Amino acid sequence: MRDFLTSEEFPEGPTGAPGGEEAPVENKSTPWKKGQRYYTPFNYEFKSLHQDLPRQFPGAHPPHDDKDENAEPPYD
């Protein structure tokens, strides 16, 4: 479960804070480890329910499902 990182809501600090206006936002303060990635809420919670189902909207990109996997952490 430590492979999934969450995004900060206000990475530049509290709203209206004078500090950090000119400093670039840092995404991560420690080095990246193999397998780490950001968790996204724009994902199917149960990917196995959507496996092998094509998108029905014209021009939609194909889902990136793995034909050999029926579950993916942290959803399994």
N, C-alpha and C. Protein backbone atom coordinates (compact mmCIF):
# COMPACT_ATOMS: atom_id res chain seq x y z
N MET A 1 0.82 -1.20 0.00
CA MET A 1 0.00 0.00 0.00
C MET A 1 0.86 1.26 0.00
N ARG A 2 2.13 1.15 0.32
CA ARG A 2 2.99 2.33 0.37
C ARG A 2 3.42 2.78 -1.02
N ASP A 3 3.05 2.04 -2.04
CA ASP A 3 3.41 2.43 -3.40
C ASP A 3 2.51 3.54 -3.93
N PHE A 4 1.36 3.75 -3.31
CA PHE A 4 0.42 4.75 -3.78
C PHE A 4 0.57 6.04 -2.97
N LEU A 5 0.77 7.13 -3.65
CA LEU A 5 0.93 8.44 -3.01
C LEU A 5 -0.33 9.25 -3.24
N THR A 6 -0.68 10.11 -2.30
CA THR A 6 -1.83 10.99 -2.47
C THR A 6 -1.34 12.40 -2.76
N SER A 7 -2.10 13.12 -3.51
CA SER A 7 -1.76 14.50 -3.83
C SER A 7 -2.16 15.41 -2.69
N GLU A 8 -1.37 16.44 -2.48
CA GLU A 8 -1.72 17.43 -1.46
C GLU A 8 -2.81 18.35 -2.00
N GLU A 9 -3.74 18.72 -1.14
CA GLU A 9 -4.82 19.59 -1.59
C GLU A 9 -4.30 20.99 -1.90
N PHE A 10 -3.48 21.53 -1.01
CA PHE A 10 -2.90 22.86 -1.21
C PHE A 10 -1.38 22.75 -1.06
N PRO A 11 -0.67 22.30 -2.09
CA PRO A 11 0.77 22.10 -1.94
C PRO A 11 1.55 23.39 -1.75
N GLU A 12 0.98 24.52 -2.11
CA GLU A 12 1.70 25.79 -1.95
C GLU A 12 1.43 26.42 -0.59
N GLY A 13 0.62 25.79 0.26
CA GLY A 13 0.33 26.30 1.59
C GLY A 13 -1.13 26.73 1.71
N PRO A 14 -1.52 27.27 2.86
CA PRO A 14 -2.89 27.70 3.06
C PRO A 14 -3.26 28.83 2.09
N THR A 15 -4.53 28.92 1.78
CA THR A 15 -5.01 29.97 0.90
C THR A 15 -4.72 31.34 1.50
N GLY A 16 -4.10 32.21 0.74
CA GLY A 16 -3.79 33.56 1.19
C GLY A 16 -2.49 33.68 1.95
N ALA A 17 -1.75 32.59 2.09
CA ALA A 17 -0.48 32.64 2.81
C ALA A 17 0.55 33.40 1.98
N PRO A 18 1.28 34.34 2.61
CA PRO A 18 2.25 35.13 1.84
C PRO A 18 3.48 34.34 1.42
N GLY A 19 3.84 33.30 2.16
CA GLY A 19 5.04 32.55 1.84
C GLY A 19 4.81 31.55 0.72
N GLY A 20 5.83 31.34 -0.08
CA GLY A 20 5.75 30.34 -1.13
C GLY A 20 5.11 30.78 -2.42
N GLU A 21 4.85 32.07 -2.57
CA GLU A 21 4.21 32.54 -3.80
C GLU A 21 5.12 32.37 -5.01
N GLU A 22 6.39 32.58 -4.83
CA GLU A 22 7.34 32.53 -5.95
C GLU A 22 8.07 31.19 -6.05
N ALA A 23 7.98 30.36 -5.03
CA ALA A 23 8.70 29.08 -5.03
C ALA A 23 7.92 28.04 -5.82
N PRO A 24 8.60 27.21 -6.62
CA PRO A 24 7.89 26.16 -7.35
C PRO A 24 7.38 25.08 -6.41
N VAL A 25 6.30 24.44 -6.78
CA VAL A 25 5.70 23.38 -5.98
C VAL A 25 6.51 22.10 -6.17
N GLU A 26 6.85 21.44 -5.07
CA GLU A 26 7.55 20.16 -5.13
C GLU A 26 6.52 19.06 -4.95
N ASN A 27 6.56 18.07 -5.81
CA ASN A 27 5.60 16.97 -5.72
C ASN A 27 5.96 15.95 -4.65
N LYS A 28 7.25 15.78 -4.40
CA LYS A 28 7.68 14.75 -3.47
C LYS A 28 8.99 15.19 -2.83
N SER A 29 9.11 15.01 -1.51
CA SER A 29 10.31 15.47 -0.81
C SER A 29 11.36 14.36 -0.66
N THR A 30 10.99 13.12 -0.92
CA THR A 30 11.93 12.00 -0.83
C THR A 30 12.14 11.41 -2.22
N PRO A 31 13.21 10.67 -2.43
CA PRO A 31 13.44 10.07 -3.75
C PRO A 31 12.36 9.05 -4.10
N TRP A 32 12.11 8.92 -5.39
CA TRP A 32 11.13 7.94 -5.86
C TRP A 32 11.68 6.53 -5.67
N LYS A 33 10.80 5.61 -5.28
CA LYS A 33 11.16 4.20 -5.17
C LYS A 33 10.44 3.44 -6.29
N LYS A 34 10.97 2.29 -6.64
CA LYS A 34 10.39 1.51 -7.71
C LYS A 34 8.95 1.11 -7.36
N GLY A 35 8.04 1.34 -8.28
CA GLY A 35 6.64 0.97 -8.08
C GLY A 35 5.77 2.07 -7.50
N GLN A 36 6.36 3.17 -7.04
CA GLN A 36 5.56 4.25 -6.47
C GLN A 36 4.87 5.03 -7.57
N ARG A 37 3.62 5.43 -7.30
CA ARG A 37 2.87 6.26 -8.23
C ARG A 37 1.79 6.98 -7.46
N TYR A 38 1.25 8.00 -8.08
CA TYR A 38 0.17 8.74 -7.44
C TYR A 38 -1.13 7.98 -7.58
N TYR A 39 -1.91 7.95 -6.51
CA TYR A 39 -3.25 7.38 -6.54
C TYR A 39 -4.16 8.41 -7.19
N THR A 40 -5.00 7.97 -8.10
CA THR A 40 -5.91 8.89 -8.76
C THR A 40 -7.36 8.50 -8.47
N PRO A 41 -8.22 9.45 -8.17
CA PRO A 41 -9.63 9.12 -7.97
C PRO A 41 -10.35 8.88 -9.29
N PHE A 42 -9.70 9.16 -10.41
CA PHE A 42 -10.33 8.99 -11.71
C PHE A 42 -9.99 7.61 -12.26
N ASN A 43 -10.36 6.59 -11.53
CA ASN A 43 -10.02 5.22 -11.86
C ASN A 43 -11.19 4.34 -11.46
N TYR A 44 -11.33 3.20 -12.10
CA TYR A 44 -12.36 2.25 -11.68
C TYR A 44 -11.95 1.63 -10.36
N GLU A 45 -12.88 1.59 -9.42
CA GLU A 45 -12.55 0.98 -8.14
C GLU A 45 -12.42 -0.53 -8.28
N PHE A 46 -13.33 -1.13 -9.03
CA PHE A 46 -13.29 -2.57 -9.26
C PHE A 46 -13.00 -2.81 -10.73
N LYS A 47 -11.73 -2.87 -11.07
CA LYS A 47 -11.34 -3.00 -12.48
C LYS A 47 -11.80 -4.32 -13.07
N SER A 48 -11.95 -5.35 -12.25
CA SER A 48 -12.37 -6.64 -12.80
C SER A 48 -13.80 -6.58 -13.34
N LEU A 49 -14.62 -5.66 -12.85
CA LEU A 49 -15.98 -5.52 -13.37
C LEU A 49 -15.99 -4.90 -14.76
N HIS A 50 -14.95 -4.18 -15.11
CA HIS A 50 -14.88 -3.49 -16.39
C HIS A 50 -13.90 -4.15 -17.36
N GLN A 51 -13.35 -5.29 -16.97
CA GLN A 51 -12.36 -5.95 -17.80
C GLN A 51 -12.99 -6.46 -19.09
N ASP A 52 -12.31 -6.25 -20.19
CA ASP A 52 -12.72 -6.68 -21.53
C ASP A 52 -14.00 -6.01 -22.03
N LEU A 53 -14.40 -4.91 -21.42
CA LEU A 53 -15.55 -4.16 -21.91
C LEU A 53 -15.06 -2.94 -22.69
N PRO A 54 -15.45 -2.81 -23.96
CA PRO A 54 -15.01 -1.64 -24.73
C PRO A 54 -15.75 -0.39 -24.28
N ARG A 55 -15.14 0.75 -24.48
CA ARG A 55 -15.80 2.02 -24.19
C ARG A 55 -16.92 2.22 -25.20
N GLN A 56 -18.01 2.82 -24.78
CA GLN A 56 -19.17 2.96 -25.65
C GLN A 56 -19.30 4.36 -26.24
N PHE A 57 -18.46 5.29 -25.83
CA PHE A 57 -18.52 6.65 -26.36
C PHE A 57 -17.62 6.73 -27.58
N PRO A 58 -18.11 7.32 -28.68
CA PRO A 58 -17.28 7.39 -29.89
C PRO A 58 -16.00 8.19 -29.66
N GLY A 59 -14.88 7.64 -30.11
CA GLY A 59 -13.60 8.32 -29.98
C GLY A 59 -12.93 8.16 -28.64
N ALA A 60 -13.51 7.40 -27.73
CA ALA A 60 -12.90 7.20 -26.41
C ALA A 60 -11.69 6.28 -26.54
N HIS A 61 -10.66 6.56 -25.74
CA HIS A 61 -9.47 5.71 -25.80
C HIS A 61 -9.76 4.37 -25.15
N PRO A 62 -9.06 3.32 -25.55
CA PRO A 62 -9.31 2.00 -24.97
C PRO A 62 -8.85 1.95 -23.52
N PRO A 63 -9.54 1.18 -22.68
CA PRO A 63 -9.10 1.05 -21.29
C PRO A 63 -7.77 0.32 -21.23
N HIS A 64 -6.98 0.66 -20.25
CA HIS A 64 -5.65 0.05 -20.10
C HIS A 64 -5.74 -1.13 -19.14
N ASP A 65 -6.52 -2.13 -19.52
CA ASP A 65 -6.63 -3.29 -18.65
C ASP A 65 -5.63 -4.35 -19.06
N ASP A 66 -5.24 -5.13 -18.08
CA ASP A 66 -4.28 -6.20 -18.30
C ASP A 66 -5.07 -7.49 -18.48
N LYS A 67 -4.90 -8.14 -19.59
CA LYS A 67 -5.68 -9.34 -19.90
C LYS A 67 -5.36 -10.50 -18.95
N ASP A 68 -4.18 -10.49 -18.33
CA ASP A 68 -3.77 -11.59 -17.47
C ASP A 68 -4.05 -11.35 -15.99
N GLU A 69 -4.49 -10.17 -15.63
CA GLU A 69 -4.74 -9.84 -14.23
C GLU A 69 -6.22 -9.57 -14.01
N ASN A 70 -6.77 -10.12 -12.91
CA ASN A 70 -8.16 -9.88 -12.57
C ASN A 70 -8.32 -8.91 -11.42
N ALA A 71 -7.23 -8.55 -10.78
CA ALA A 71 -7.28 -7.61 -9.66
C ALA A 71 -6.00 -6.80 -9.65
N GLU A 72 -6.09 -5.63 -9.04
CA GLU A 72 -4.92 -4.76 -8.93
C GLU A 72 -4.93 -4.10 -7.56
N PRO A 73 -3.79 -4.11 -6.85
CA PRO A 73 -3.77 -3.45 -5.55
C PRO A 73 -3.96 -1.94 -5.73
N PRO A 74 -4.58 -1.24 -4.86
CA PRO A 74 -5.10 -1.66 -3.57
C PRO A 74 -6.54 -2.13 -3.62
N TYR A 75 -7.05 -2.48 -4.79
CA TYR A 75 -8.47 -2.81 -4.95
C TYR A 75 -8.77 -4.29 -4.80
N ASP A 76 -7.77 -5.15 -4.70
CA ASP A 76 -8.05 -6.59 -4.68
C ASP A 76 -8.47 -7.11 -3.35
